[in-house]
Protein backbone atom coordinates (compact mmCIF):
# COMPACT_ATOMS: atom_id res chain seq x y z
CA UNK A 1 47.41 12.22 -21.50
CA UNK A 2 48.70 9.18 -19.91
CA UNK A 3 47.46 7.72 -16.49
CA UNK A 4 50.36 6.07 -14.56
CA UNK A 5 51.39 5.35 -10.99
CA UNK A 6 52.70 8.30 -9.27
CA UNK A 7 56.35 8.67 -8.39
CA UNK A 8 57.33 9.38 -4.86
CA UNK A 9 59.50 12.32 -5.97
CA UNK A 10 56.30 13.84 -7.47
CA UNK A 11 54.32 13.87 -4.34
CA UNK A 12 55.15 17.54 -3.43
CA UNK A 13 53.91 18.45 -7.07
CA UNK A 14 50.74 16.55 -6.21
CA UNK A 15 50.40 18.71 -3.08
CA UNK A 16 50.57 21.92 -5.28
CA UNK A 17 48.18 20.50 -7.68
CA UNK A 18 45.87 19.87 -4.97
CA UNK A 19 46.22 23.52 -3.24
CA UNK A 20 45.55 24.98 -6.91
CA UNK A 21 42.44 22.76 -7.51
CA UNK A 22 41.25 24.09 -3.91
CA UNK A 23 41.11 27.76 -5.01
CA UNK A 24 37.70 27.60 -6.75
CA UNK A 25 36.26 26.86 -3.16
CA UNK A 26 36.93 30.76 -2.37
CA UNK A 27 34.13 31.57 -5.07
CA UNK A 28 31.53 29.73 -3.08
CA UNK A 29 32.54 31.24 0.38
CA UNK A 30 34.49 28.11 1.52
CA UNK A 31 37.96 29.94 2.19
CA UNK A 32 38.72 27.56 4.98
CA UNK A 33 38.59 24.67 2.56
CA UNK A 34 40.61 26.68 -0.14
CA UNK A 35 43.24 27.37 2.68
CA UNK A 36 43.26 23.69 3.88
CA UNK A 37 46.64 21.90 3.84
CA UNK A 38 47.12 19.35 1.07
CA UNK A 39 47.14 15.54 1.72
CA UNK A 40 50.28 14.90 3.72
CA UNK A 41 53.06 13.01 2.24
CA UNK A 42 52.79 10.14 4.38
CA UNK A 43 49.15 9.72 3.46
CA UNK A 44 50.30 9.71 -0.13
CA UNK A 45 52.65 6.99 0.78
CA UNK A 46 50.07 4.65 2.13
CA UNK A 47 47.61 5.01 -0.76
CA UNK A 48 47.57 3.86 -4.40
CA UNK A 49 48.08 6.96 -6.27
CA UNK A 50 47.96 7.54 -10.09
CA UNK A 51 48.41 10.75 -11.87
CA UNK A 52 47.31 12.01 -15.41
CA UNK A 53 50.36 13.34 -17.06
CA UNK A 54 51.20 14.99 -20.36
CA UNK A 55 54.26 14.61 -19.66
CA UNK A 56 54.08 16.14 -16.12
CA UNK A 57 51.23 15.36 -13.86
CA UNK A 58 48.22 17.74 -14.03
CA UNK A 59 45.96 15.67 -11.98
CA UNK A 60 45.87 12.75 -9.43
CA UNK A 61 43.80 10.33 -7.52
CA UNK A 62 44.58 8.66 -4.35
CA UNK A 63 42.81 5.41 -3.19
CA UNK A 64 42.83 3.05 -0.26
CA UNK A 65 40.92 -0.36 0.19
CA UNK A 66 38.18 0.27 2.68
CA UNK A 67 35.66 -2.46 3.79
CA UNK A 68 35.97 -4.38 0.40
CA UNK A 69 35.65 -1.31 -1.57
CA UNK A 70 38.09 1.20 -3.33
CA UNK A 71 37.83 4.46 -1.27
CA UNK A 72 38.84 7.63 -3.17
CA UNK A 73 40.49 9.84 -0.60
CA UNK A 74 41.40 12.59 -3.01
CA UNK A 75 40.88 13.62 -6.58
CA UNK A 76 42.58 16.91 -7.65
CA UNK A 77 42.88 18.38 -11.07
CA UNK A 78 44.81 21.46 -11.78
CA UNK A 79 42.43 24.36 -12.86
CA UNK A 80 44.51 24.91 -15.99
CA UNK A 81 43.35 21.54 -16.99
CA UNK A 82 39.57 21.46 -15.57
CA UNK A 83 36.73 20.56 -17.76
CA UNK A 84 38.55 18.06 -19.89
CA UNK A 85 37.32 14.79 -18.34
CA UNK A 86 40.65 14.22 -16.75
CA UNK A 87 38.99 13.54 -13.40
CA UNK A 88 36.40 11.05 -15.12
CA UNK A 89 39.50 9.33 -16.66
CA UNK A 90 41.09 8.93 -13.21
CA UNK A 91 37.93 7.47 -11.68
CA UNK A 92 37.55 4.97 -14.75
CA UNK A 93 41.31 4.09 -14.20
CA UNK A 94 40.52 3.26 -10.47
CA UNK A 95 37.35 1.47 -11.34
CA UNK A 96 39.49 -1.05 -13.63
CA UNK A 97 42.22 -1.30 -10.75
CA UNK A 98 39.36 -1.93 -8.19
CA UNK A 99 38.05 -4.67 -10.53
CA UNK A 100 41.50 -6.45 -10.84
CA UNK A 101 41.78 -6.24 -7.08
CA UNK A 102 38.31 -7.87 -6.58
CA UNK A 103 36.99 -4.76 -4.78
CA UNK A 104 33.19 -4.38 -5.07
CA UNK A 105 32.79 -0.65 -5.49
CA UNK A 106 34.29 2.91 -5.58
CA UNK A 107 33.38 5.04 -2.47
CA UNK A 108 34.06 8.60 -1.61
CA UNK A 109 32.97 11.47 0.61
CA UNK A 110 32.40 15.02 -0.70
CA UNK A 111 30.52 18.15 -0.37
CA UNK A 112 26.87 17.61 -0.83
CA UNK A 113 26.06 21.03 -2.39
CA UNK A 114 29.45 22.08 -4.11
CA UNK A 115 28.69 21.85 -7.79
CA UNK A 116 31.88 20.12 -8.73
CA UNK A 117 31.53 17.70 -6.00
CA UNK A 118 28.52 15.48 -5.28
CA UNK A 119 26.67 16.64 -8.29
CA UNK A 120 29.63 16.06 -10.55
CA UNK A 121 30.33 12.51 -8.96
CA UNK A 122 26.60 11.57 -9.39
CA UNK A 123 27.00 12.40 -13.16
CA UNK A 124 29.72 9.75 -13.04
CA UNK A 125 27.39 7.07 -11.72
CA UNK A 126 27.83 7.50 -7.88
CA UNK A 127 24.84 7.36 -5.60
CA UNK A 128 24.20 7.82 -2.03
CA UNK A 129 23.80 4.47 -0.23
CA UNK A 130 20.86 3.94 1.93
CA UNK A 131 23.20 2.88 4.76
CA UNK A 132 26.73 3.70 4.20
CA UNK A 133 28.15 1.09 6.56
CA UNK A 134 30.45 1.48 9.58
CA UNK A 135 33.65 2.15 7.52
CA UNK A 136 32.12 5.10 5.64
CA UNK A 137 30.41 6.35 8.63
CA UNK A 138 33.87 6.53 10.54
CA UNK A 139 35.30 8.52 7.64
CA UNK A 140 32.47 10.87 7.78
CA UNK A 141 33.01 11.39 11.65
CA UNK A 142 36.75 11.78 11.20
CA UNK A 143 35.97 14.56 8.55
CA UNK A 144 33.49 16.14 10.95
CA UNK A 145 36.06 16.23 13.63
CA UNK A 146 38.20 18.14 11.26
CA UNK A 147 35.43 20.58 10.71
CA UNK A 148 34.27 19.26 7.46
CA UNK A 149 30.63 19.69 7.24
CA UNK A 150 27.88 19.14 4.51
CA UNK A 151 29.43 16.12 3.53
CA UNK A 152 27.97 12.90 1.94
CA UNK A 153 29.12 9.31 1.23
CA UNK A 154 28.75 8.19 -2.37
CA UNK A 155 29.24 4.70 -3.92
CA UNK A 156 29.63 3.30 -7.43
CA UNK A 157 29.72 -0.40 -8.10
CA UNK A 158 32.70 -1.57 -9.72
CA UNK A 159 32.10 -1.67 -13.61
CA UNK A 160 28.88 0.12 -13.46
CA UNK A 161 29.70 2.89 -15.70
CA UNK A 162 32.51 3.81 -17.93
CA UNK A 163 32.49 7.37 -18.16
CA UNK A 164 35.06 8.36 -20.56
CA UNK A 165 34.57 5.55 -23.12
CA UNK A 166 38.45 4.82 -23.04
CA UNK A 167 39.78 1.74 -21.69
CA UNK A 168 42.30 2.11 -18.68
CA UNK A 169 44.86 0.43 -21.32
CA UNK A 170 44.35 3.39 -23.76
CA UNK A 171 44.79 5.68 -20.98
CA UNK A 172 47.98 4.22 -19.73
CA UNK A 173 49.32 4.18 -23.13
């Protein structure tokens, strides 16, 4: 597996990966999430996007700078490649990118009680900030306006935890 920047011609494939990765939400009664549209192409164009590929993309992550942090807007791993630490490798890659960009932390919002959401990110070293700050509060408000509920903000200081034990250079190899 190699982590590399996504190519714009791959964005429709990334949307398909996101759609496939949403299917497990049906099993927990969240069909509206499973049926939700993937990240728009325009949003992908305005984010930093990396793929895990072997040789074709099997997973991806999108990040935007937000209030001095690297805000993860989406992580999607195709179900055929789940439980192989690919998502953790993508998070570690973003951690290294954020360090080189001088950003303080990785942030994200996710479902509080879905096992492969907040509990998963907590295992990767993310914690719930006591006070998320205005930028993350605005993200939660925008999500709430879209009908997303039971969400939580999570934060992990840059360099706090390397999950995969591989350097980003090894992942990019």
